[in-house]
Amino acid sequence: MAKAKDAEIIELAVVEGRVIVTFDADFHALLAARGAAFPSIVRIREEGLKAAELVRLIRRIEAQFKGDLEQGCVITYYQGKVRMRRLPI
């Protein structure tokens, strides 16, 4: 889906019950504008993470916020801190 539009990615995530993991800030704004309750979004605001570090981070966030991700939320990771907000925002 590298060439898909953000709206297409959101729609597919809703249909398939997926969580979007991204470096892109646009997804939070799109969900807020729609007043959407799904899908959950995990935004990583840290450049230069190696693949193994990124996988560990995503798994840690998933474990810590599993229930929130299932209910609909946006999570932002930045400089070692995680902020979670429930949807809709």
PDB file of N, CA and C in Angstrom:
ATOM      1  N   MET A   1       0.811  -1.192   0.000  1.00  0.00           N
ATOM      2  CA  MET A   1       0.000   0.000   0.000  1.00  0.00           C
ATOM      3  C   MET A   1       0.859   1.262   0.000  1.00  0.00           C
ATOM      4  N   ALA A   2       2.093   1.134  -0.377  1.00  0.00           N
ATOM      5  CA  ALA A   2       3.013   2.271  -0.352  1.00  0.00           C
ATOM      6  C   ALA A   2       2.523   3.441  -1.200  1.00  0.00           C
ATOM      7  N   LYS A   3       1.782   3.152  -2.265  1.00  0.00           N
ATOM      8  CA  LYS A   3       1.307   4.222  -3.144  1.00  0.00           C
ATOM      9  C   LYS A   3      -0.153   4.590  -2.891  1.00  0.00           C
ATOM     10  N   ALA A   4      -0.781   3.949  -1.916  1.00  0.00           N
ATOM     11  CA  ALA A   4      -2.190   4.218  -1.616  1.00  0.00           C
ATOM     12  C   ALA A   4      -2.327   5.562  -0.909  1.00  0.00           C
ATOM     13  N   LYS A   5      -3.481   6.172  -1.095  1.00  0.00           N
ATOM     14  CA  LYS A   5      -3.793   7.423  -0.402  1.00  0.00           C
ATOM     15  C   LYS A   5      -4.134   7.098   1.045  1.00  0.00           C
ATOM     16  N   ASP A   6      -3.906   8.083   1.920  1.00  0.00           N
ATOM     17  CA  ASP A   6      -4.166   7.876   3.345  1.00  0.00           C
ATOM     18  C   ASP A   6      -5.597   7.414   3.595  1.00  0.00           C
ATOM     19  N   ALA A   7      -6.560   8.009   2.902  1.00  0.00           N
ATOM     20  CA  ALA A   7      -7.966   7.635   3.091  1.00  0.00           C
ATOM     21  C   ALA A   7      -8.203   6.173   2.727  1.00  0.00           C
ATOM     22  N   GLU A   8      -7.525   5.684   1.698  1.00  0.00           N
ATOM     23  CA  GLU A   8      -7.654   4.272   1.305  1.00  0.00           C
ATOM     24  C   GLU A   8      -7.084   3.349   2.375  1.00  0.00           C
ATOM     25  N   ILE A   9      -5.968   3.747   2.952  1.00  0.00           N
ATOM     26  CA  ILE A   9      -5.342   2.951   4.012  1.00  0.00           C
ATOM     27  C   ILE A   9      -6.269   2.891   5.221  1.00  0.00           C
ATOM     28  N   ILE A  10      -6.863   4.035   5.577  1.00  0.00           N
ATOM     29  CA  ILE A  10      -7.791   4.078   6.710  1.00  0.00           C
ATOM     30  C   ILE A  10      -8.979   3.163   6.454  1.00  0.00           C
ATOM     31  N   GLU A  11      -9.567   3.250   5.288  1.00  0.00           N
ATOM     32  CA  GLU A  11     -10.737   2.425   4.976  1.00  0.00           C
ATOM     33  C   GLU A  11     -10.404   0.936   5.035  1.00  0.00           C
ATOM     34  N   LEU A  12      -9.271   0.540   4.490  1.00  0.00           N
ATOM     35  CA  LEU A  12      -8.874  -0.868   4.532  1.00  0.00           C
ATOM     36  C   LEU A  12      -8.643  -1.320   5.977  1.00  0.00           C
ATOM     37  N   ALA A  13      -8.009  -0.479   6.781  1.00  0.00           N
ATOM     38  CA  ALA A  13      -7.768  -0.824   8.186  1.00  0.00           C
ATOM     39  C   ALA A  13      -9.086  -1.011   8.934  1.00  0.00           C
ATOM     40  N   VAL A  14     -10.075  -0.183   8.637  1.00  0.00           N
ATOM     41  CA  VAL A  14     -11.385  -0.326   9.277  1.00  0.00           C
ATOM     42  C   VAL A  14     -12.022  -1.652   8.862  1.00  0.00           C
ATOM     43  N   VAL A  15     -12.038  -1.921   7.574  1.00  0.00           N
ATOM     44  CA  VAL A  15     -12.674  -3.138   7.051  1.00  0.00           C
ATOM     45  C   VAL A  15     -11.999  -4.390   7.603  1.00  0.00           C
ATOM     46  N   GLU A  16     -10.669  -4.376   7.689  1.00  0.00           N
ATOM     47  CA  GLU A  16      -9.928  -5.562   8.116  1.00  0.00           C
ATOM     48  C   GLU A  16      -9.636  -5.586   9.618  1.00  0.00           C
ATOM     49  N   GLY A  17     -10.052  -4.560  10.349  1.00  0.00           N
ATOM     50  CA  GLY A  17      -9.813  -4.513  11.786  1.00  0.00           C
ATOM     51  C   GLY A  17      -8.346  -4.394  12.149  1.00  0.00           C
ATOM     52  N   ARG A  18      -7.621  -3.604  11.393  1.00  0.00           N
ATOM     53  CA  ARG A  18      -6.174  -3.458  11.600  1.00  0.00           C
ATOM     54  C   ARG A  18      -5.831  -2.157  12.311  1.00  0.00           C
ATOM     55  N   VAL A  19      -4.614  -2.107  12.848  1.00  0.00           N
ATOM     56  CA  VAL A  19      -4.040  -0.901  13.434  1.00  0.00           C
ATOM     57  C   VAL A  19      -3.034  -0.351  12.433  1.00  0.00           C
ATOM     58  N   ILE A  20      -3.037   0.952  12.236  1.00  0.00           N
ATOM     59  CA  ILE A  20      -2.078   1.589  11.332  1.00  0.00           C
ATOM     60  C   ILE A  20      -0.875   2.048  12.148  1.00  0.00           C
ATOM     61  N   VAL A  21       0.312   1.664  11.731  1.00  0.00           N
ATOM     62  CA  VAL A  21       1.556   2.129  12.330  1.00  0.00           C
ATOM     63  C   VAL A  21       2.233   2.999  11.289  1.00  0.00           C
ATOM     64  N   THR A  22       2.579   4.229  11.668  1.00  0.00           N
ATOM     65  CA  THR A  22       3.058   5.194  10.686  1.00  0.00           C
ATOM     66  C   THR A  22       4.051   6.186  11.284  1.00  0.00           C
ATOM     67  N   PHE A  23       4.792   6.832  10.407  1.00  0.00           N
ATOM     68  CA  PHE A  23       5.631   7.969  10.769  1.00  0.00           C
ATOM     69  C   PHE A  23       4.927   9.277  10.384  1.00  0.00           C
ATOM     70  N   ASP A  24       3.780   9.173   9.760  1.00  0.00           N
ATOM     71  CA  ASP A  24       3.054  10.280   9.145  1.00  0.00           C
ATOM     72  C   ASP A  24       2.021  10.877  10.107  1.00  0.00           C
ATOM     73  N   ALA A  25       2.037  12.195  10.284  1.00  0.00           N
ATOM     74  CA  ALA A  25       1.095  12.882  11.174  1.00  0.00           C
ATOM     75  C   ALA A  25      -0.293  13.019  10.571  1.00  0.00           C
ATOM     76  N   ASP A  26      -0.432  12.855   9.277  1.00  0.00           N
ATOM     77  CA  ASP A  26      -1.707  13.089   8.606  1.00  0.00           C
ATOM     78  C   ASP A  26      -2.829  12.180   9.105  1.00  0.00           C
ATOM     79  N   PHE A  27      -2.528  10.976   9.507  1.00  0.00           N
ATOM     80  CA  PHE A  27      -3.571  10.041   9.912  1.00  0.00           C
ATOM     81  C   PHE A  27      -4.345  10.546  11.132  1.00  0.00           C
ATOM     82  N   HIS A  28      -3.636  11.109  12.119  1.00  0.00           N
ATOM     83  CA  HIS A  28      -4.317  11.656  13.300  1.00  0.00           C
ATOM     84  C   HIS A  28      -5.293  12.745  12.873  1.00  0.00           C
ATOM     85  N   ALA A  29      -4.849  13.620  12.010  1.00  0.00           N
ATOM     86  CA  ALA A  29      -5.683  14.734  11.557  1.00  0.00           C
ATOM     87  C   ALA A  29      -6.899  14.229  10.780  1.00  0.00           C
ATOM     88  N   LEU A  30      -6.709  13.245   9.935  1.00  0.00           N
ATOM     89  CA  LEU A  30      -7.826  12.696   9.166  1.00  0.00           C
ATOM     90  C   LEU A  30      -8.887  12.076  10.079  1.00  0.00           C
ATOM     91  N   LEU A  31      -8.451  11.337  11.078  1.00  0.00           N
ATOM     92  CA  LEU A  31      -9.411  10.738  12.004  1.00  0.00           C
ATOM     93  C   LEU A  31     -10.141  11.805  12.803  1.00  0.00           C
ATOM     94  N   ALA A  32      -9.420  12.830  13.235  1.00  0.00           N
ATOM     95  CA  ALA A  32     -10.048  13.916  13.996  1.00  0.00           C
ATOM     96  C   ALA A  32     -11.084  14.643  13.147  1.00  0.00           C
ATOM     97  N   ALA A  33     -10.758  14.925  11.900  1.00  0.00           N
ATOM     98  CA  ALA A  33     -11.676  15.631  11.007  1.00  0.00           C
ATOM     99  C   ALA A  33     -12.940  14.819  10.756  1.00  0.00           C
ATOM    100  N   ARG A  34     -12.817  13.509  10.728  1.00  0.00           N
ATOM    101  CA  ARG A  34     -13.967  12.629  10.484  1.00  0.00           C
ATOM    102  C   ARG A  34     -14.749  12.304  11.755  1.00  0.00           C
ATOM    103  N   GLY A  35     -14.139  12.574  12.904  1.00  0.00           N
ATOM    104  CA  GLY A  35     -14.757  12.162  14.161  1.00  0.00           C
ATOM    105  C   GLY A  35     -14.812  10.653  14.280  1.00  0.00           C
ATOM    106  N   ALA A  36     -13.854   9.990  13.657  1.00  0.00           N
ATOM    107  CA  ALA A  36     -13.847   8.526  13.558  1.00  0.00           C
ATOM    108  C   ALA A  36     -13.424   7.870  14.870  1.00  0.00           C
ATOM    109  N   ALA A  37     -14.001   6.712  15.125  1.00  0.00           N
ATOM    110  CA  ALA A  37     -13.647   5.910  16.297  1.00  0.00           C
ATOM    111  C   ALA A  37     -12.656   4.801  15.956  1.00  0.00           C
ATOM    112  N   PHE A  38     -12.455   4.560  14.674  1.00  0.00           N
ATOM    113  CA  PHE A  38     -11.532   3.526  14.187  1.00  0.00           C
ATOM    114  C   PHE A  38     -10.930   3.988  12.884  1.00  0.00           C
ATOM    115  N   PRO A  39      -9.792   3.493  12.489  1.00  0.00           N
ATOM    116  CA  PRO A  39      -8.942   2.503  13.137  1.00  0.00           C
ATOM    117  C   PRO A  39      -8.015   3.163  14.144  1.00  0.00           C
ATOM    118  N   SER A  40      -7.399   2.346  14.975  1.00  0.00           N
ATOM    119  CA  SER A  40      -6.365   2.862  15.870  1.00  0.00           C
ATOM    120  C   SER A  40      -5.120   3.170  15.053  1.00  0.00           C
ATOM    121  N   ILE A  41      -4.390   4.184  15.521  1.00  0.00           N
ATOM    122  CA  ILE A  41      -3.176   4.640  14.843  1.00  0.00           C
ATOM    123  C   ILE A  41      -2.035   4.668  15.849  1.00  0.00           C
ATOM    124  N   VAL A  42      -0.887   4.148  15.464  1.00  0.00           N
ATOM    125  CA  VAL A  42       0.338   4.292  16.251  1.00  0.00           C
ATOM    126  C   VAL A  42       1.295   5.116  15.407  1.00  0.00           C
ATOM    127  N   ARG A  43       1.612   6.303  15.889  1.00  0.00           N
ATOM    128  CA  ARG A  43       2.538   7.189  15.174  1.00  0.00           C
ATOM    129  C   ARG A  43       3.884   7.192  15.886  1.00  0.00           C
ATOM    130  N   ILE A  44       4.921   6.872  15.138  1.00  0.00           N
ATOM    131  CA  ILE A  44       6.285   6.874  15.653  1.00  0.00           C
ATOM    132  C   ILE A  44       6.933   8.180  15.208  1.00  0.00           C
ATOM    133  N   ARG A  45       7.314   9.019  16.169  1.00  0.00           N
ATOM    134  CA  ARG A  45       7.921  10.306  15.839  1.00  0.00           C
ATOM    135  C   ARG A  45       9.426  10.278  16.124  1.00  0.00           C
ATOM    136  N   GLU A  46      10.066   9.233  15.709  1.00  0.00           N
ATOM    137  CA  GLU A  46      11.497   9.107  15.945  1.00  0.00           C
ATOM    138  C   GLU A  46      12.153   8.541  14.696  1.00  0.00           C
ATOM    139  N   GLU A  47      13.093   9.277  14.180  1.00  0.00           N
ATOM    140  CA  GLU A  47      13.809   8.871  12.979  1.00  0.00           C
ATOM    141  C   GLU A  47      14.989   7.977  13.347  1.00  0.00           C
ATOM    142  N   GLY A  48      15.417   7.178  12.406  1.00  0.00           N
ATOM    143  CA  GLY A  48      16.658   6.432  12.538  1.00  0.00           C
ATOM    144  C   GLY A  48      16.586   5.146  13.334  1.00  0.00           C
ATOM    145  N   LEU A  49      15.397   4.697  13.679  1.00  0.00           N
ATOM    146  CA  LEU A  49      15.299   3.424  14.388  1.00  0.00           C
ATOM    147  C   LEU A  49      15.625   2.278  13.430  1.00  0.00           C
ATOM    148  N   LYS A  50      16.412   1.351  13.892  1.00  0.00           N
ATOM    149  CA  LYS A  50      16.706   0.162  13.098  1.00  0.00           C
ATOM    150  C   LYS A  50      15.488  -0.755  13.153  1.00  0.00           C
ATOM    151  N   ALA A  51      15.378  -1.644  12.188  1.00  0.00           N
ATOM    152  CA  ALA A  51      14.202  -2.511  12.064  1.00  0.00           C
ATOM    153  C   ALA A  51      13.925  -3.281  13.351  1.00  0.00           C
ATOM    154  N   ALA A  52      14.948  -3.864  13.940  1.00  0.00           N
ATOM    155  CA  ALA A  52      14.757  -4.653  15.159  1.00  0.00           C
ATOM    156  C   ALA A  52      14.260  -3.769  16.308  1.00  0.00           C
ATOM    157  N   GLU A  53      14.782  -2.558  16.418  1.00  0.00           N
ATOM    158  CA  GLU A  53      14.320  -1.629  17.453  1.00  0.00           C
ATOM    159  C   GLU A  53      12.860  -1.254  17.235  1.00  0.00           C
ATOM    160  N   LEU A  54      12.505  -1.015  15.994  1.00  0.00           N
ATOM    161  CA  LEU A  54      11.136  -0.642  15.658  1.00  0.00           C
ATOM    162  C   LEU A  54      10.168  -1.776  15.983  1.00  0.00           C
ATOM    163  N   VAL A  55      10.542  -2.991  15.664  1.00  0.00           N
ATOM    164  CA  VAL A  55       9.699  -4.151  15.977  1.00  0.00           C
ATOM    165  C   VAL A  55       9.507  -4.272  17.486  1.00  0.00           C
ATOM    166  N   ARG A  56      10.579  -4.134  18.264  1.00  0.00           N
ATOM    167  CA  ARG A  56      10.473  -4.211  19.727  1.00  0.00           C
ATOM    168  C   ARG A  56       9.556  -3.109  20.260  1.00  0.00           C
ATOM    169  N   LEU A  57       9.704  -1.914  19.729  1.00  0.00           N
ATOM    170  CA  LEU A  57       8.881  -0.792  20.156  1.00  0.00           C
ATOM    171  C   LEU A  57       7.404  -1.048  19.869  1.00  0.00           C
ATOM    172  N   ILE A  58       7.101  -1.480  18.667  1.00  0.00           N
ATOM    173  CA  ILE A  58       5.709  -1.749  18.288  1.00  0.00           C
ATOM    174  C   ILE A  58       5.126  -2.860  19.160  1.00  0.00           C
ATOM    175  N   ARG A  59       5.882  -3.892  19.412  1.00  0.00           N
ATOM    176  CA  ARG A  59       5.404  -4.989  20.263  1.00  0.00           C
ATOM    177  C   ARG A  59       5.159  -4.513  21.694  1.00  0.00           C
ATOM    178  N   ARG A  60       6.033  -3.649  22.188  1.00  0.00           N
ATOM    179  CA  ARG A  60       5.866  -3.109  23.541  1.00  0.00           C
ATOM    180  C   ARG A  60       4.602  -2.259  23.625  1.00  0.00           C
ATOM    181  N   ILE A  61       4.387  -1.415  22.627  1.00  0.00           N
ATOM    182  CA  ILE A  61       3.184  -0.579  22.594  1.00  0.00           C
ATOM    183  C   ILE A  61       1.944  -1.461  22.492  1.00  0.00           C
ATOM    184  N   GLU A  62       1.998  -2.467  21.641  1.00  0.00           N
ATOM    185  CA  GLU A  62       0.855  -3.369  21.490  1.00  0.00           C
ATOM    186  C   GLU A  62       0.514  -4.053  22.815  1.00  0.00           C
ATOM    187  N   ALA A  63       1.522  -4.537  23.515  1.00  0.00           N
ATOM    188  CA  ALA A  63       1.291  -5.221  24.784  1.00  0.00           C
ATOM    189  C   ALA A  63       0.731  -4.268  25.837  1.00  0.00           C
ATOM    190  N   GLN A  64       1.269  -3.076  25.904  1.00  0.00           N
ATOM    191  CA  GLN A  64       0.866  -2.107  26.919  1.00  0.00           C
ATOM    192  C   GLN A  64      -0.538  -1.551  26.659  1.00  0.00           C
ATOM    193  N   PHE A  65      -0.910  -1.393  25.391  1.00  0.00           N
ATOM    194  CA  PHE A  65      -2.156  -0.714  25.043  1.00  0.00           C
ATOM    195  C   PHE A  65      -3.128  -1.605  24.263  1.00  0.00           C
ATOM    196  N   LYS A  66      -3.018  -2.906  24.419  1.00  0.00           N
ATOM    197  CA  LYS A  66      -3.837  -3.842  23.632  1.00  0.00           C
ATOM    198  C   LYS A  66      -5.324  -3.509  23.692  1.00  0.00           C
ATOM    199  N   GLY A  67      -5.869  -3.360  24.870  1.00  0.00           N
ATOM    200  CA  GLY A  67      -7.289  -3.055  25.015  1.00  0.00           C
ATOM    201  C   GLY A  67      -7.671  -1.730  24.380  1.00  0.00           C
ATOM    202  N   ASP A  68      -6.833  -0.724  24.544  1.00  0.00           N
ATOM    203  CA  ASP A  68      -7.094   0.591  23.950  1.00  0.00           C
ATOM    204  C   ASP A  68      -7.068   0.518  22.425  1.00  0.00           C
ATOM    205  N   LEU A  69      -6.101  -0.211  21.883  1.00  0.00           N
ATOM    206  CA  LEU A  69      -6.015  -0.363  20.428  1.00  0.00           C
ATOM    207  C   LEU A  69      -7.247  -1.068  19.876  1.00  0.00           C
ATOM    208  N   GLU A  70      -7.781  -2.022  20.620  1.00  0.00           N
ATOM    209  CA  GLU A  70      -8.991  -2.724  20.182  1.00  0.00           C
ATOM    210  C   GLU A  70     -10.222  -1.825  20.243  1.00  0.00           C
ATOM    211  N   GLN A  71     -10.234  -0.871  21.176  1.00  0.00           N
ATOM    212  CA  GLN A  71     -11.379   0.022  21.355  1.00  0.00           C
ATOM    213  C   GLN A  71     -11.320   1.267  20.470  1.00  0.00           C
ATOM    214  N   GLY A  72     -10.153   1.583  19.924  1.00  0.00           N
ATOM    215  CA  GLY A  72      -9.964   2.749  19.074  1.00  0.00           C
ATOM    216  C   GLY A  72      -9.218   3.859  19.795  1.00  0.00           C
ATOM    217  N   CYS A  73      -7.978   4.091  19.387  1.00  0.00           N
ATOM    218  CA  CYS A  73      -7.173   5.131  20.010  1.00  0.00           C
ATOM    219  C   CYS A  73      -6.080   5.591  19.042  1.00  0.00           C
ATOM    220  N   VAL A  74      -5.471   6.701  19.395  1.00  0.00           N
ATOM    221  CA  VAL A  74      -4.271   7.146  18.689  1.00  0.00           C
ATOM    222  C   VAL A  74      -3.139   7.178  19.713  1.00  0.00           C
ATOM    223  N   ILE A  75      -2.020   6.638  19.308  1.00  0.00           N
ATOM    224  CA  ILE A  75      -0.848   6.575  20.176  1.00  0.00           C
ATOM    225  C   ILE A  75       0.297   7.260  19.457  1.00  0.00           C
ATOM    226  N   THR A  76       1.025   8.091  20.210  1.00  0.00           N
ATOM    227  CA  THR A  76       2.205   8.754  19.667  1.00  0.00           C
ATOM    228  C   THR A  76       3.405   8.382  20.525  1.00  0.00           C
ATOM    229  N   TYR A  77       4.471   7.959  19.871  1.00  0.00           N
ATOM    230  CA  TYR A  77       5.736   7.660  20.544  1.00  0.00           C
ATOM    231  C   TYR A  77       6.740   8.718  20.139  1.00  0.00           C
ATOM    232  N   TYR A  78       7.361   9.378  21.146  1.00  0.00           N
ATOM    233  CA  TYR A  78       8.353  10.417  20.863  1.00  0.00           C
ATOM    234  C   TYR A  78       9.331  10.497  22.020  1.00  0.00           C
ATOM    235  N   GLN A  79      10.594  10.378  21.721  1.00  0.00           N
ATOM    236  CA  GLN A  79      11.685  10.502  22.697  1.00  0.00           C
ATOM    237  C   GLN A  79      11.457   9.630  23.933  1.00  0.00           C
ATOM    238  N   GLY A  80      11.098   8.391  23.693  1.00  0.00           N
ATOM    239  CA  GLY A  80      10.945   7.438  24.776  1.00  0.00           C
ATOM    240  C   GLY A  80       9.628   7.520  25.529  1.00  0.00           C
ATOM    241  N   LYS A  81       8.762   8.445  25.144  1.00  0.00           N
ATOM    242  CA  LYS A  81       7.482   8.600  25.828  1.00  0.00           C
ATOM    243  C   LYS A  81       6.343   8.200  24.906  1.00  0.00           C
ATOM    244  N   VAL A  82       5.302   7.653  25.525  1.00  0.00           N
ATOM    245  CA  VAL A  82       4.129   7.211  24.773  1.00  0.00           C
ATOM    246  C   VAL A  82       2.915   7.987  25.294  1.00  0.00           C
ATOM    247  N   ARG A  83       2.181   8.588  24.358  1.00  0.00           N
ATOM    248  CA  ARG A  83       0.937   9.285  24.712  1.00  0.00           C
ATOM    249  C   ARG A  83      -0.207   8.593  23.987  1.00  0.00           C
ATOM    250  N   MET A  84      -1.295   8.315  24.725  1.00  0.00           N
ATOM    251  CA  MET A  84      -2.441   7.649  24.149  1.00  0.00           C
ATOM    252  C   MET A  84      -3.680   8.512  24.358  1.00  0.00           C
ATOM    253  N   ARG A  85      -4.491   8.614  23.303  1.00  0.00           N
ATOM    254  CA  ARG A  85      -5.770   9.285  23.373  1.00  0.00           C
ATOM    255  C   ARG A  85      -6.822   8.391  22.745  1.00  0.00           C
ATOM    256  N   ARG A  86      -7.964   8.268  23.399  1.00  0.00           N
ATOM    257  CA  ARG A  86      -9.051   7.449  22.877  1.00  0.00           C
ATOM    258  C   ARG A  86      -9.742   8.170  21.733  1.00  0.00           C
ATOM    259  N   LEU A  87     -10.252   7.411  20.804  1.00  0.00           N
ATOM    260  CA  LEU A  87     -11.021   7.943  19.685  1.00  0.00           C
ATOM    261  C   LEU A  87     -12.497   7.929  20.052  1.00  0.00           C
ATOM    262  N   PRO A  88     -13.290   8.827  19.486  1.00  0.00           N
ATOM    263  CA  PRO A  88     -12.906   9.894  18.558  1.00  0.00           C
ATOM    264  C   PRO A  88     -12.256  11.063  19.290  1.00  0.00           C
ATOM    265  N   ILE A  89     -11.456  11.821  18.520  1.00  0.00           N
ATOM    266  CA  ILE A  89     -10.811  13.023  19.068  1.00  0.00           C
ATOM    267  C   ILE A  89     -11.349  14.249  18.354  1.00  0.00           C
TER     268      ILE A  89
END
